[in-house]
Amino acid sequence: MKRSNITRKDLAKAINEKLGFSQRSAEEIIDTVFSTMKSTLINGESIKLVHFGTLGVRKKSPRRGRNPRTGEAMEISSRSMVNFKPSKGLRMKINS
């Protein structure tokens, strides 16, 4: 079974086919949605997409780690990460 990634172009094509927007307009819609999502996450806010899931920013504190090549102990700096929590409905559909 071959798996492939869905791209922005694929999303724009789906909008074009289902809603009848031109390809260029569909691409602008996709770009607007993603830029809004980026700015929301950068501001530290979460994004709740009903029947899909929630995207949020999680802060990770610094910790001790090891360089896998050398085995040398090192400090891993604090950072922020985007996390995704799928909705209950999506989890159920994926697992069935």
N, C-alpha and C. Protein backbone atom coordinates (compact mmCIF):
# COMPACT_ATOMS: atom_id res chain seq x y z
N MET A 1 0.85 -1.17 0.00
CA MET A 1 0.00 0.00 0.00
C MET A 1 0.90 1.24 0.00
N LYS A 2 0.67 2.08 -0.98
CA LYS A 2 1.47 3.30 -1.10
C LYS A 2 0.76 4.44 -0.39
N ARG A 3 1.49 5.14 0.46
CA ARG A 3 0.94 6.30 1.16
C ARG A 3 1.62 7.55 0.64
N SER A 4 0.85 8.61 0.53
CA SER A 4 1.44 9.87 0.10
C SER A 4 0.93 10.98 1.00
N ASN A 5 1.62 12.07 0.97
CA ASN A 5 1.22 13.24 1.75
C ASN A 5 0.24 14.07 0.96
N ILE A 6 -0.65 14.73 1.66
CA ILE A 6 -1.55 15.68 1.00
C ILE A 6 -0.87 17.04 1.06
N THR A 7 -0.88 17.75 -0.05
CA THR A 7 -0.19 19.03 -0.13
C THR A 7 -1.20 20.18 -0.19
N ARG A 8 -0.68 21.39 -0.11
CA ARG A 8 -1.53 22.57 -0.23
C ARG A 8 -2.24 22.58 -1.59
N LYS A 9 -1.52 22.13 -2.59
CA LYS A 9 -2.09 22.09 -3.93
C LYS A 9 -3.26 21.10 -3.99
N ASP A 10 -3.12 19.96 -3.30
CA ASP A 10 -4.21 18.98 -3.24
C ASP A 10 -5.43 19.56 -2.53
N LEU A 11 -5.20 20.31 -1.45
CA LEU A 11 -6.31 20.95 -0.74
C LEU A 11 -7.00 21.98 -1.63
N ALA A 12 -6.21 22.76 -2.35
CA ALA A 12 -6.79 23.77 -3.25
C ALA A 12 -7.59 23.10 -4.36
N LYS A 13 -7.09 21.98 -4.86
CA LYS A 13 -7.80 21.25 -5.91
C LYS A 13 -9.14 20.72 -5.39
N ALA A 14 -9.15 20.25 -4.14
CA ALA A 14 -10.40 19.75 -3.54
C ALA A 14 -11.41 20.88 -3.38
N ILE A 15 -10.95 22.05 -2.96
CA ILE A 15 -11.85 23.21 -2.84
C ILE A 15 -12.38 23.60 -4.22
N ASN A 16 -11.51 23.57 -5.20
CA ASN A 16 -11.91 23.89 -6.57
C ASN A 16 -12.99 22.93 -7.07
N GLU A 17 -12.81 21.65 -6.84
CA GLU A 17 -13.77 20.64 -7.32
C GLU A 17 -15.08 20.66 -6.54
N LYS A 18 -15.02 20.79 -5.23
CA LYS A 18 -16.23 20.69 -4.40
C LYS A 18 -17.03 21.99 -4.37
N LEU A 19 -16.34 23.13 -4.32
CA LEU A 19 -17.04 24.41 -4.15
C LEU A 19 -17.07 25.27 -5.40
N GLY A 20 -16.29 24.90 -6.41
CA GLY A 20 -16.33 25.64 -7.67
C GLY A 20 -15.51 26.91 -7.71
N PHE A 21 -14.67 27.15 -6.70
CA PHE A 21 -13.79 28.31 -6.74
C PHE A 21 -12.71 28.07 -7.79
N SER A 22 -12.15 29.14 -8.33
CA SER A 22 -11.03 28.98 -9.25
C SER A 22 -9.84 28.43 -8.48
N GLN A 23 -8.89 27.84 -9.20
CA GLN A 23 -7.71 27.26 -8.55
C GLN A 23 -6.94 28.34 -7.79
N ARG A 24 -6.81 29.52 -8.37
CA ARG A 24 -6.08 30.62 -7.73
C ARG A 24 -6.80 31.06 -6.45
N SER A 25 -8.13 31.20 -6.50
CA SER A 25 -8.89 31.60 -5.31
C SER A 25 -8.79 30.54 -4.22
N ALA A 26 -8.84 29.27 -4.63
CA ALA A 26 -8.73 28.18 -3.66
C ALA A 26 -7.36 28.21 -2.97
N GLU A 27 -6.30 28.49 -3.74
CA GLU A 27 -4.96 28.59 -3.15
C GLU A 27 -4.88 29.75 -2.17
N GLU A 28 -5.52 30.87 -2.50
CA GLU A 28 -5.54 32.02 -1.59
C GLU A 28 -6.28 31.69 -0.30
N ILE A 29 -7.36 30.93 -0.41
CA ILE A 29 -8.12 30.52 0.77
C ILE A 29 -7.24 29.66 1.67
N ILE A 30 -6.56 28.69 1.08
CA ILE A 30 -5.68 27.80 1.84
C ILE A 30 -4.57 28.62 2.51
N ASP A 31 -3.94 29.51 1.78
CA ASP A 31 -2.87 30.34 2.34
C ASP A 31 -3.38 31.20 3.50
N THR A 32 -4.58 31.76 3.36
CA THR A 32 -5.16 32.58 4.42
C THR A 32 -5.43 31.76 5.67
N VAL A 33 -5.98 30.57 5.48
CA VAL A 33 -6.28 29.69 6.62
C VAL A 33 -4.98 29.35 7.36
N PHE A 34 -3.95 28.94 6.62
CA PHE A 34 -2.70 28.55 7.27
C PHE A 34 -1.99 29.73 7.92
N SER A 35 -2.01 30.90 7.30
CA SER A 35 -1.35 32.06 7.92
C SER A 35 -2.09 32.47 9.19
N THR A 36 -3.42 32.37 9.19
CA THR A 36 -4.18 32.68 10.41
C THR A 36 -3.86 31.68 11.51
N MET A 37 -3.74 30.40 11.14
CA MET A 37 -3.40 29.39 12.13
C MET A 37 -2.00 29.63 12.70
N LYS A 38 -1.05 29.96 11.82
CA LYS A 38 0.32 30.23 12.28
C LYS A 38 0.35 31.40 13.27
N SER A 39 -0.30 32.51 12.91
CA SER A 39 -0.25 33.68 13.79
C SER A 39 -0.94 33.39 15.12
N THR A 40 -2.02 32.61 15.10
CA THR A 40 -2.70 32.26 16.34
C THR A 40 -1.79 31.44 17.24
N LEU A 41 -1.11 30.45 16.69
CA LEU A 41 -0.20 29.62 17.48
C LEU A 41 1.01 30.41 17.96
N ILE A 42 1.53 31.31 17.14
CA ILE A 42 2.66 32.15 17.55
C ILE A 42 2.28 33.02 18.74
N ASN A 43 1.02 33.47 18.78
CA ASN A 43 0.54 34.27 19.91
C ASN A 43 0.25 33.42 21.15
N GLY A 44 0.46 32.11 21.06
CA GLY A 44 0.28 31.24 22.21
C GLY A 44 -1.16 30.79 22.43
N GLU A 45 -2.03 31.06 21.49
CA GLU A 45 -3.43 30.67 21.61
C GLU A 45 -3.64 29.29 20.99
N SER A 46 -4.70 28.61 21.40
CA SER A 46 -5.00 27.31 20.81
C SER A 46 -6.05 27.46 19.73
N ILE A 47 -6.13 26.45 18.87
CA ILE A 47 -7.09 26.44 17.76
C ILE A 47 -7.95 25.20 17.94
N LYS A 48 -9.25 25.41 18.07
CA LYS A 48 -10.18 24.29 18.22
C LYS A 48 -10.97 24.14 16.93
N LEU A 49 -10.81 23.01 16.28
CA LEU A 49 -11.54 22.69 15.05
C LEU A 49 -12.55 21.60 15.40
N VAL A 50 -13.82 21.96 15.47
CA VAL A 50 -14.87 21.04 15.88
C VAL A 50 -14.89 19.82 14.95
N HIS A 51 -15.05 18.66 15.52
CA HIS A 51 -15.07 17.36 14.83
C HIS A 51 -13.71 17.00 14.24
N PHE A 52 -12.66 17.73 14.57
CA PHE A 52 -11.31 17.40 14.09
C PHE A 52 -10.33 17.30 15.24
N GLY A 53 -10.16 18.39 16.00
CA GLY A 53 -9.24 18.35 17.12
C GLY A 53 -8.80 19.75 17.52
N THR A 54 -7.83 19.77 18.44
CA THR A 54 -7.32 21.03 18.97
C THR A 54 -5.81 21.10 18.77
N LEU A 55 -5.34 22.23 18.24
CA LEU A 55 -3.92 22.51 18.12
C LEU A 55 -3.56 23.51 19.21
N GLY A 56 -2.48 23.26 19.91
CA GLY A 56 -2.07 24.17 20.97
C GLY A 56 -0.56 24.26 21.07
N VAL A 57 -0.08 25.20 21.85
CA VAL A 57 1.35 25.38 22.06
C VAL A 57 1.66 24.91 23.47
N ARG A 58 2.66 24.07 23.59
CA ARG A 58 3.06 23.53 24.88
C ARG A 58 4.51 23.94 25.15
N LYS A 59 4.77 24.42 26.33
CA LYS A 59 6.12 24.82 26.71
C LYS A 59 6.82 23.63 27.36
N LYS A 60 8.03 23.34 26.89
CA LYS A 60 8.83 22.27 27.48
C LYS A 60 9.98 22.91 28.25
N SER A 61 10.18 22.46 29.44
CA SER A 61 11.24 23.02 30.27
C SER A 61 12.59 22.39 29.90
N PRO A 62 13.69 23.05 30.28
CA PRO A 62 15.01 22.49 29.96
C PRO A 62 15.22 21.18 30.71
N ARG A 63 16.03 20.30 30.11
CA ARG A 63 16.29 19.02 30.74
C ARG A 63 17.66 18.50 30.32
N ARG A 64 18.11 17.49 31.05
CA ARG A 64 19.39 16.85 30.72
C ARG A 64 19.14 15.80 29.65
N GLY A 65 20.05 15.67 28.71
CA GLY A 65 19.94 14.67 27.67
C GLY A 65 21.32 14.18 27.28
N ARG A 66 21.36 13.33 26.28
CA ARG A 66 22.64 12.78 25.80
C ARG A 66 22.72 12.93 24.29
N ASN A 67 23.93 13.23 23.82
CA ASN A 67 24.19 13.23 22.39
C ASN A 67 24.25 11.76 21.96
N PRO A 68 23.39 11.31 21.05
CA PRO A 68 23.37 9.89 20.70
C PRO A 68 24.64 9.41 19.99
N ARG A 69 25.36 10.30 19.34
CA ARG A 69 26.60 9.90 18.67
C ARG A 69 27.75 9.68 19.64
N THR A 70 27.90 10.64 20.56
CA THR A 70 29.06 10.59 21.45
C THR A 70 28.72 10.07 22.84
N GLY A 71 27.46 10.07 23.21
CA GLY A 71 27.07 9.65 24.56
C GLY A 71 27.31 10.75 25.59
N GLU A 72 27.77 11.90 25.13
CA GLU A 72 28.10 13.03 26.02
C GLU A 72 26.81 13.65 26.58
N ALA A 73 26.81 13.92 27.89
CA ALA A 73 25.66 14.57 28.53
C ALA A 73 25.60 16.02 28.09
N MET A 74 24.38 16.52 27.91
CA MET A 74 24.21 17.91 27.49
C MET A 74 22.88 18.44 28.02
N GLU A 75 22.76 19.75 27.99
CA GLU A 75 21.53 20.41 28.43
C GLU A 75 20.67 20.69 27.20
N ILE A 76 19.41 20.23 27.24
CA ILE A 76 18.46 20.51 26.17
C ILE A 76 17.67 21.74 26.61
N SER A 77 17.72 22.77 25.80
CA SER A 77 17.13 24.06 26.18
C SER A 77 15.60 24.00 26.20
N SER A 78 14.99 24.96 26.88
CA SER A 78 13.53 25.04 26.90
C SER A 78 13.04 25.47 25.53
N ARG A 79 11.84 25.03 25.20
CA ARG A 79 11.30 25.36 23.87
C ARG A 79 9.79 25.21 23.90
N SER A 80 9.17 25.72 22.88
CA SER A 80 7.73 25.58 22.71
C SER A 80 7.47 24.62 21.56
N MET A 81 6.44 23.81 21.72
CA MET A 81 6.10 22.84 20.69
C MET A 81 4.61 22.91 20.39
N VAL A 82 4.26 22.63 19.16
CA VAL A 82 2.85 22.55 18.78
C VAL A 82 2.40 21.12 19.04
N ASN A 83 1.27 20.98 19.73
CA ASN A 83 0.72 19.65 19.93
C ASN A 83 -0.69 19.59 19.39
N PHE A 84 -1.10 18.38 19.01
CA PHE A 84 -2.42 18.17 18.43
C PHE A 84 -3.14 17.11 19.25
N LYS A 85 -4.36 17.43 19.65
CA LYS A 85 -5.19 16.47 20.36
C LYS A 85 -6.42 16.22 19.48
N PRO A 86 -6.53 15.02 18.91
CA PRO A 86 -7.67 14.75 18.04
C PRO A 86 -8.98 14.70 18.82
N SER A 87 -10.07 15.01 18.14
CA SER A 87 -11.38 14.95 18.78
C SER A 87 -11.74 13.48 19.01
N LYS A 88 -12.68 13.26 19.89
CA LYS A 88 -13.13 11.91 20.20
C LYS A 88 -13.66 11.22 18.95
N GLY A 89 -14.45 11.94 18.15
CA GLY A 89 -15.01 11.38 16.93
C GLY A 89 -13.94 10.97 15.94
N LEU A 90 -12.90 11.80 15.77
CA LEU A 90 -11.81 11.48 14.85
C LEU A 90 -11.04 10.26 15.34
N ARG A 91 -10.75 10.21 16.66
CA ARG A 91 -10.07 9.05 17.21
C ARG A 91 -10.84 7.76 16.97
N MET A 92 -12.16 7.84 17.16
CA MET A 92 -13.00 6.65 16.96
C MET A 92 -12.99 6.21 15.50
N LYS A 93 -13.04 7.16 14.57
CA LYS A 93 -13.03 6.80 13.14
C LYS A 93 -11.67 6.21 12.72
N ILE A 94 -10.59 6.76 13.25
CA ILE A 94 -9.25 6.25 12.93
C ILE A 94 -9.07 4.84 13.47
N ASN A 95 -9.57 4.58 14.66
CA ASN A 95 -9.38 3.29 15.31
C ASN A 95 -10.39 2.22 14.89
N SER A 96 -11.37 2.57 14.09
CA SER A 96 -12.34 1.55 13.68
C SER A 96 -12.00 0.93 12.35
